[in-house]
Protein backbone atom coordinates (compact mmCIF):
# COMPACT_ATOMS: atom_id res chain seq x y z
CA MET A 1 3.08 -13.26 5.11
CA SER A 2 1.09 -13.75 1.93
CA LYS A 3 3.26 -11.64 -0.39
CA SER A 4 6.93 -11.65 -1.17
CA ILE A 5 8.77 -8.50 -0.09
CA PHE A 6 11.51 -7.10 -2.29
CA TYR A 7 13.87 -4.84 -0.35
CA HIS A 8 16.34 -2.53 -2.05
CA ALA A 9 18.19 0.72 -1.45
CA GLY A 10 17.54 2.59 -4.68
CA CYS A 11 20.97 2.03 -6.25
CA PRO A 12 21.23 1.14 -9.97
CA VAL A 13 21.82 -2.56 -9.18
CA CYS A 14 18.74 -2.59 -6.96
CA VAL A 15 16.50 -0.78 -9.42
CA SER A 16 17.51 -3.17 -12.20
CA ALA A 17 16.79 -6.15 -9.94
CA GLU A 18 13.41 -4.64 -9.00
CA GLN A 19 12.44 -4.41 -12.66
CA ASP A 20 13.45 -8.03 -13.24
CA ILE A 21 11.56 -9.26 -10.15
CA LEU A 22 8.40 -7.43 -11.24
CA ASN A 23 8.70 -9.03 -14.68
CA LEU A 24 9.06 -12.49 -13.12
CA ILE A 25 6.48 -12.26 -10.35
CA ASN A 26 3.02 -10.72 -10.57
CA PRO A 27 3.45 -7.21 -9.11
CA ALA A 28 0.30 -7.79 -7.03
CA ASP A 29 2.20 -10.57 -5.23
CA VAL A 30 5.27 -8.46 -4.36
CA GLU A 31 5.64 -5.55 -1.98
CA VAL A 32 8.57 -3.36 -2.98
CA VAL A 33 10.37 -1.55 -0.16
CA ASN A 34 13.05 1.03 -0.92
CA LEU A 35 15.09 1.22 2.27
CA GLY A 36 16.88 4.27 0.91
CA THR A 37 13.69 6.29 1.20
CA ASP A 38 11.89 4.30 3.92
CA LYS A 39 14.48 3.90 6.66
CA SER A 40 11.75 3.01 9.16
CA ARG A 41 11.69 -0.50 7.62
CA ILE A 42 15.43 -1.24 8.05
CA GLN A 43 14.97 -3.02 11.39
CA GLU A 44 12.17 -5.15 9.88
CA ALA A 45 14.47 -6.14 6.99
CA GLN A 46 17.31 -7.04 9.35
CA LYS A 47 14.95 -9.08 11.52
CA ALA A 48 13.83 -10.96 8.38
CA GLY A 49 17.48 -11.95 7.85
CA LEU A 50 18.70 -9.56 5.18
CA LYS A 51 22.47 -9.19 5.00
CA SER A 52 22.49 -7.09 1.84
CA VAL A 53 20.18 -5.59 -0.73
CA PRO A 54 18.65 -6.23 -3.15
CA ALA A 55 16.91 -9.19 -1.56
CA LEU A 56 13.58 -10.94 -1.83
CA VAL A 57 11.82 -12.40 1.21
CA THR A 58 9.43 -15.15 0.16
CA PRO A 59 6.02 -15.72 1.77
CA THR A 60 7.57 -18.60 3.75
CA GLY A 61 10.28 -16.31 5.15
CA ASN A 62 13.20 -17.45 3.00
CA VAL A 63 15.62 -14.65 2.12
CA LEU A 64 16.96 -14.67 -1.42
CA HIS A 65 19.91 -12.30 -1.72
CA ILE A 66 20.15 -11.06 -5.31
CA ASN A 67 23.46 -9.76 -6.64
CA PHE A 68 25.08 -7.28 -4.24
CA GLY A 69 24.13 -3.64 -4.12
CA ALA A 70 24.86 -2.67 -0.51
CA SER A 71 25.29 -4.30 2.88
CA MET A 72 22.60 -3.70 5.48
CA GLU A 73 25.24 -1.88 7.56
CA ASP A 74 25.70 0.60 4.69
CA VAL A 75 21.95 1.02 4.26
CA ALA A 76 21.41 1.62 7.97
CA SER A 77 24.08 4.32 8.19
């Protein structure tokens, strides 16, 4: 993985975190995935180790959980 991936579910906490992440990291270096609208990527996020969103997966595979918007169980349902 050459980019970080920022996963969120579209909630206000997530959208605010997305804006902050894109101000901190060059947007060209971050893929933003809204699991609320792209449910096909939920399994990928869980496999990466996400327990909740918003979360940032670094290029080395580390998962950085940011605040707490929703559990992955809530997102998947």
